[in-house]
Amino acid sequence: MNIDISSGFIRQKQLLPMLGFSAPTLWRKVKEGSFPKPVKLSTNITAWNKADILLWIEEKKNG
């Protein structure tokens, strides 16, 4: 069985170590449009689509 690790969602706590910048920088980048927007999964849960994050990281690596 193959599991696609790019599917699903990732929360801010797990996302920040992957990115190497702070929460305020993350939200500034979201606001200015240079980072994917999160989705609201419920009243208290905001997360990012993993596929969007992996694509963003790949684009940054390839310049």
PDB file of N, CA and C in Angstrom:
ATOM      1  N   MET A   1       0.839  -1.186   0.000  1.00  0.00           N
ATOM      2  CA  MET A   1       0.000   0.000   0.000  1.00  0.00           C
ATOM      3  C   MET A   1       0.884   1.249   0.000  1.00  0.00           C
ATOM      4  N   ASN A   2       0.623   2.175  -0.920  1.00  0.00           N
ATOM      5  CA  ASN A   2       1.351   3.440  -0.980  1.00  0.00           C
ATOM      6  C   ASN A   2       0.553   4.527  -0.286  1.00  0.00           C
ATOM      7  N   ILE A   3       1.223   5.276   0.551  1.00  0.00           N
ATOM      8  CA  ILE A   3       0.591   6.396   1.243  1.00  0.00           C
ATOM      9  C   ILE A   3       1.208   7.676   0.712  1.00  0.00           C
ATOM     10  N   ASP A   4       0.380   8.576   0.261  1.00  0.00           N
ATOM     11  CA  ASP A   4       0.849   9.850  -0.282  1.00  0.00           C
ATOM     12  C   ASP A   4       1.068  10.828   0.865  1.00  0.00           C
ATOM     13  N   ILE A   5       2.341  11.096   1.187  1.00  0.00           N
ATOM     14  CA  ILE A   5       2.631  11.991   2.309  1.00  0.00           C
ATOM     15  C   ILE A   5       2.330  13.442   1.989  1.00  0.00           C
ATOM     16  N   SER A   6       2.055  13.745   0.716  1.00  0.00           N
ATOM     17  CA  SER A   6       1.759  15.127   0.358  1.00  0.00           C
ATOM     18  C   SER A   6       0.285  15.467   0.543  1.00  0.00           C
ATOM     19  N   SER A   7      -0.544  14.471   0.867  1.00  0.00           N
ATOM     20  CA  SER A   7      -1.959  14.761   1.052  1.00  0.00           C
ATOM     21  C   SER A   7      -2.252  15.061   2.513  1.00  0.00           C
ATOM     22  N   GLY A   8      -3.305  15.780   2.733  1.00  0.00           N
ATOM     23  CA  GLY A   8      -3.691  16.113   4.093  1.00  0.00           C
ATOM     24  C   GLY A   8      -3.315  17.535   4.458  1.00  0.00           C
ATOM     25  N   PHE A   9      -3.285  17.771   5.751  1.00  0.00           N
ATOM     26  CA  PHE A   9      -3.048  19.119   6.253  1.00  0.00           C
ATOM     27  C   PHE A   9      -1.943  19.113   7.293  1.00  0.00           C
ATOM     28  N   ILE A  10      -1.337  20.286   7.470  1.00  0.00           N
ATOM     29  CA  ILE A  10      -0.276  20.439   8.460  1.00  0.00           C
ATOM     30  C   ILE A  10      -0.561  21.705   9.261  1.00  0.00           C
ATOM     31  N   ARG A  11      -0.411  21.579  10.569  1.00  0.00           N
ATOM     32  CA  ARG A  11      -0.659  22.715  11.464  1.00  0.00           C
ATOM     33  C   ARG A  11       0.598  23.549  11.618  1.00  0.00           C
ATOM     34  N   GLN A  12       0.426  24.772  12.129  1.00  0.00           N
ATOM     35  CA  GLN A  12       1.533  25.714  12.269  1.00  0.00           C
ATOM     36  C   GLN A  12       2.686  25.140  13.088  1.00  0.00           C
ATOM     37  N   LYS A  13       2.374  24.432  14.158  1.00  0.00           N
ATOM     38  CA  LYS A  13       3.407  23.896  15.048  1.00  0.00           C
ATOM     39  C   LYS A  13       4.350  22.942  14.304  1.00  0.00           C
ATOM     40  N   GLN A  14       3.812  22.136  13.402  1.00  0.00           N
ATOM     41  CA  GLN A  14       4.638  21.220  12.623  1.00  0.00           C
ATOM     42  C   GLN A  14       5.266  21.911  11.417  1.00  0.00           C
ATOM     43  N   LEU A  15       4.647  22.961  10.954  1.00  0.00           N
ATOM     44  CA  LEU A  15       5.108  23.670   9.764  1.00  0.00           C
ATOM     45  C   LEU A  15       6.343  24.522  10.016  1.00  0.00           C
ATOM     46  N   LEU A  16       6.361  25.245  11.124  1.00  0.00           N
ATOM     47  CA  LEU A  16       7.449  26.194  11.381  1.00  0.00           C
ATOM     48  C   LEU A  16       8.841  25.564  11.360  1.00  0.00           C
ATOM     49  N   PRO A  17       9.069  24.400  11.975  1.00  0.00           N
ATOM     50  CA  PRO A  17      10.418  23.813  11.897  1.00  0.00           C
ATOM     51  C   PRO A  17      10.853  23.470  10.467  1.00  0.00           C
ATOM     52  N   MET A  18       9.906  23.194   9.602  1.00  0.00           N
ATOM     53  CA  MET A  18      10.225  22.888   8.207  1.00  0.00           C
ATOM     54  C   MET A  18      10.663  24.134   7.449  1.00  0.00           C
ATOM     55  N   LEU A  19      10.180  25.290   7.885  1.00  0.00           N
ATOM     56  CA  LEU A  19      10.395  26.521   7.138  1.00  0.00           C
ATOM     57  C   LEU A  19      11.608  27.311   7.599  1.00  0.00           C
ATOM     58  N   GLY A  20      11.888  27.264   8.882  1.00  0.00           N
ATOM     59  CA  GLY A  20      13.040  28.006   9.387  1.00  0.00           C
ATOM     60  C   GLY A  20      12.779  29.470   9.651  1.00  0.00           C
ATOM     61  N   PHE A  21      11.499  29.855   9.745  1.00  0.00           N
ATOM     62  CA  PHE A  21      11.202  31.223  10.168  1.00  0.00           C
ATOM     63  C   PHE A  21      10.096  31.217  11.207  1.00  0.00           C
ATOM     64  N   SER A  22       9.889  32.370  11.814  1.00  0.00           N
ATOM     65  CA  SER A  22       8.992  32.483  12.962  1.00  0.00           C
ATOM     66  C   SER A  22       7.523  32.570  12.537  1.00  0.00           C
ATOM     67  N   ALA A  23       6.639  32.422  13.515  1.00  0.00           N
ATOM     68  CA  ALA A  23       5.205  32.547  13.274  1.00  0.00           C
ATOM     69  C   ALA A  23       4.839  33.929  12.730  1.00  0.00           C
ATOM     70  N   PRO A  24       5.366  35.021  13.304  1.00  0.00           N
ATOM     71  CA  PRO A  24       5.026  36.330  12.729  1.00  0.00           C
ATOM     72  C   PRO A  24       5.473  36.470  11.260  1.00  0.00           C
ATOM     73  N   THR A  25       6.618  35.904  10.925  1.00  0.00           N
ATOM     74  CA  THR A  25       7.081  35.943   9.534  1.00  0.00           C
ATOM     75  C   THR A  25       6.164  35.117   8.648  1.00  0.00           C
ATOM     76  N   LEU A  26       5.743  33.957   9.127  1.00  0.00           N
ATOM     77  CA  LEU A  26       4.810  33.112   8.381  1.00  0.00           C
ATOM     78  C   LEU A  26       3.549  33.895   8.048  1.00  0.00           C
ATOM     79  N   TRP A  27       2.947  34.511   9.052  1.00  0.00           N
ATOM     80  CA  TRP A  27       1.692  35.227   8.833  1.00  0.00           C
ATOM     81  C   TRP A  27       1.882  36.472   7.977  1.00  0.00           C
ATOM     82  N   ARG A  28       3.043  37.116   8.074  1.00  0.00           N
ATOM     83  CA  ARG A  28       3.326  38.253   7.196  1.00  0.00           C
ATOM     84  C   ARG A  28       3.389  37.790   5.743  1.00  0.00           C
ATOM     85  N   LYS A  29       4.061  36.653   5.512  1.00  0.00           N
ATOM     86  CA  LYS A  29       4.170  36.111   4.162  1.00  0.00           C
ATOM     87  C   LYS A  29       2.801  35.695   3.621  1.00  0.00           C
ATOM     88  N   VAL A  30       1.956  35.120   4.464  1.00  0.00           N
ATOM     89  CA  VAL A  30       0.600  34.764   4.045  1.00  0.00           C
ATOM     90  C   VAL A  30      -0.154  36.033   3.641  1.00  0.00           C
ATOM     91  N   LYS A  31      -0.056  37.058   4.479  1.00  0.00           N
ATOM     92  CA  LYS A  31      -0.776  38.313   4.227  1.00  0.00           C
ATOM     93  C   LYS A  31      -0.325  38.982   2.932  1.00  0.00           C
ATOM     94  N   GLU A  32       0.987  38.952   2.667  1.00  0.00           N
ATOM     95  CA  GLU A  32       1.502  39.599   1.455  1.00  0.00           C
ATOM     96  C   GLU A  32       1.360  38.718   0.214  1.00  0.00           C
ATOM     97  N   GLY A  33       0.936  37.473   0.391  1.00  0.00           N
ATOM     98  CA  GLY A  33       0.701  36.587  -0.743  1.00  0.00           C
ATOM     99  C   GLY A  33       1.903  35.802  -1.216  1.00  0.00           C
ATOM    100  N   SER A  34       2.993  35.806  -0.438  1.00  0.00           N
ATOM    101  CA  SER A  34       4.190  35.071  -0.844  1.00  0.00           C
ATOM    102  C   SER A  34       4.285  33.688  -0.203  1.00  0.00           C
ATOM    103  N   PHE A  35       3.227  33.280   0.500  1.00  0.00           N
ATOM    104  CA  PHE A  35       3.160  31.954   1.101  1.00  0.00           C
ATOM    105  C   PHE A  35       1.717  31.478   0.992  1.00  0.00           C
ATOM    106  N   PRO A  36       1.496  30.168   0.788  1.00  0.00           N
ATOM    107  CA  PRO A  36       0.118  29.675   0.644  1.00  0.00           C
ATOM    108  C   PRO A  36      -0.773  30.041   1.838  1.00  0.00           C
ATOM    109  N   LYS A  37      -2.025  30.324   1.541  1.00  0.00           N
ATOM    110  CA  LYS A  37      -2.997  30.630   2.585  1.00  0.00           C
ATOM    111  C   LYS A  37      -3.441  29.350   3.277  1.00  0.00           C
ATOM    112  N   PRO A  38      -3.664  29.433   4.574  1.00  0.00           N
ATOM    113  CA  PRO A  38      -4.180  28.262   5.294  1.00  0.00           C
ATOM    114  C   PRO A  38      -5.683  28.113   5.060  1.00  0.00           C
ATOM    115  N   VAL A  39      -6.197  26.993   5.494  1.00  0.00           N
ATOM    116  CA  VAL A  39      -7.635  26.763   5.455  1.00  0.00           C
ATOM    117  C   VAL A  39      -8.141  26.615   6.881  1.00  0.00           C
ATOM    118  N   LYS A  40      -9.355  27.022   7.098  1.00  0.00           N
ATOM    119  CA  LYS A  40      -9.987  26.926   8.414  1.00  0.00           C
ATOM    120  C   LYS A  40     -10.735  25.600   8.451  1.00  0.00           C
ATOM    121  N   LEU A  41     -10.217  24.630   9.235  1.00  0.00           N
ATOM    122  CA  LEU A  41     -10.838  23.313   9.310  1.00  0.00           C
ATOM    123  C   LEU A  41     -11.994  23.289  10.300  1.00  0.00           C
ATOM    124  N   SER A  42     -11.923  24.127  11.310  1.00  0.00           N
ATOM    125  CA  SER A  42     -13.011  24.290  12.271  1.00  0.00           C
ATOM    126  C   SER A  42     -12.805  25.631  12.960  1.00  0.00           C
ATOM    127  N   THR A  43     -13.616  25.920  13.943  1.00  0.00           N
ATOM    128  CA  THR A  43     -13.528  27.200  14.635  1.00  0.00           C
ATOM    129  C   THR A  43     -12.136  27.462  15.193  1.00  0.00           C
ATOM    130  N   ASN A  44     -11.516  26.436  15.761  1.00  0.00           N
ATOM    131  CA  ASN A  44     -10.210  26.612  16.414  1.00  0.00           C
ATOM    132  C   ASN A  44      -9.052  25.951  15.688  1.00  0.00           C
ATOM    133  N   ILE A  45      -9.272  25.447  14.487  1.00  0.00           N
ATOM    134  CA  ILE A  45      -8.204  24.735  13.790  1.00  0.00           C
ATOM    135  C   ILE A  45      -7.958  25.342  12.417  1.00  0.00           C
ATOM    136  N   THR A  46      -6.744  25.852  12.243  1.00  0.00           N
ATOM    137  CA  THR A  46      -6.276  26.381  10.976  1.00  0.00           C
ATOM    138  C   THR A  46      -5.088  25.537  10.549  1.00  0.00           C
ATOM    139  N   ALA A  47      -5.045  25.174   9.282  1.00  0.00           N
ATOM    140  CA  ALA A  47      -3.958  24.328   8.793  1.00  0.00           C
ATOM    141  C   ALA A  47      -3.682  24.643   7.328  1.00  0.00           C
ATOM    142  N   TRP A  48      -2.555  24.147   6.849  1.00  0.00           N
ATOM    143  CA  TRP A  48      -2.157  24.330   5.464  1.00  0.00           C
ATOM    144  C   TRP A  48      -2.251  23.004   4.736  1.00  0.00           C
ATOM    145  N   ASN A  49      -2.603  23.068   3.476  1.00  0.00           N
ATOM    146  CA  ASN A  49      -2.616  21.898   2.630  1.00  0.00           C
ATOM    147  C   ASN A  49      -1.164  21.465   2.393  1.00  0.00           C
ATOM    148  N   LYS A  50      -0.837  20.210   2.714  1.00  0.00           N
ATOM    149  CA  LYS A  50       0.539  19.731   2.583  1.00  0.00           C
ATOM    150  C   LYS A  50       1.058  19.850   1.159  1.00  0.00           C
ATOM    151  N   ALA A  51       0.222  19.566   0.187  1.00  0.00           N
ATOM    152  CA  ALA A  51       0.657  19.644  -1.213  1.00  0.00           C
ATOM    153  C   ALA A  51       1.074  21.066  -1.565  1.00  0.00           C
ATOM    154  N   ASP A  52       0.331  22.067  -1.080  1.00  0.00           N
ATOM    155  CA  ASP A  52       0.687  23.470  -1.334  1.00  0.00           C
ATOM    156  C   ASP A  52       2.038  23.813  -0.715  1.00  0.00           C
ATOM    157  N   ILE A  53       2.277  23.313   0.489  1.00  0.00           N
ATOM    158  CA  ILE A  53       3.538  23.595   1.186  1.00  0.00           C
ATOM    159  C   ILE A  53       4.705  22.931   0.479  1.00  0.00           C
ATOM    160  N   LEU A  54       4.540  21.677   0.087  1.00  0.00           N
ATOM    161  CA  LEU A  54       5.614  20.972  -0.614  1.00  0.00           C
ATOM    162  C   LEU A  54       5.937  21.642  -1.944  1.00  0.00           C
ATOM    163  N   LEU A  55       4.926  22.111  -2.647  1.00  0.00           N
ATOM    164  CA  LEU A  55       5.137  22.832  -3.900  1.00  0.00           C
ATOM    165  C   LEU A  55       5.880  24.139  -3.639  1.00  0.00           C
ATOM    166  N   TRP A  56       5.487  24.875  -2.611  1.00  0.00           N
ATOM    167  CA  TRP A  56       6.146  26.144  -2.270  1.00  0.00           C
ATOM    168  C   TRP A  56       7.620  25.896  -1.947  1.00  0.00           C
ATOM    169  N   ILE A  57       7.908  24.857  -1.158  1.00  0.00           N
ATOM    170  CA  ILE A  57       9.287  24.539  -0.802  1.00  0.00           C
ATOM    171  C   ILE A  57      10.085  24.170  -2.057  1.00  0.00           C
ATOM    172  N   GLU A  58       9.508  23.382  -2.930  1.00  0.00           N
ATOM    173  CA  GLU A  58      10.180  22.970  -4.164  1.00  0.00           C
ATOM    174  C   GLU A  58      10.488  24.186  -5.048  1.00  0.00           C
ATOM    175  N   GLU A  59       9.544  25.104  -5.138  1.00  0.00           N
ATOM    176  CA  GLU A  59       9.748  26.321  -5.926  1.00  0.00           C
ATOM    177  C   GLU A  59      10.879  27.166  -5.351  1.00  0.00           C
ATOM    178  N   LYS A  60      10.955  27.246  -4.024  1.00  0.00           N
ATOM    179  CA  LYS A  60      12.015  28.021  -3.382  1.00  0.00           C
ATOM    180  C   LYS A  60      13.379  27.370  -3.609  1.00  0.00           C
ATOM    181  N   LYS A  61      13.431  26.046  -3.592  1.00  0.00           N
ATOM    182  CA  LYS A  61      14.700  25.332  -3.823  1.00  0.00           C
ATOM    183  C   LYS A  61      15.202  25.525  -5.245  1.00  0.00           C
ATOM    184  N   ASN A  62      14.264  25.579  -6.188  1.00  0.00           N
ATOM    185  CA  ASN A  62      14.620  25.703  -7.605  1.00  0.00           C
ATOM    186  C   ASN A  62      14.800  27.151  -8.043  1.00  0.00           C
ATOM    187  N   GLY A  63      14.529  28.069  -7.132  1.00  0.00           N
ATOM    188  CA  GLY A  63      14.759  29.481  -7.366  1.00  0.00           C
ATOM    189  C   GLY A  63      13.891  30.066  -8.408  1.00  0.00           C
TER     190      GLY A  63
END
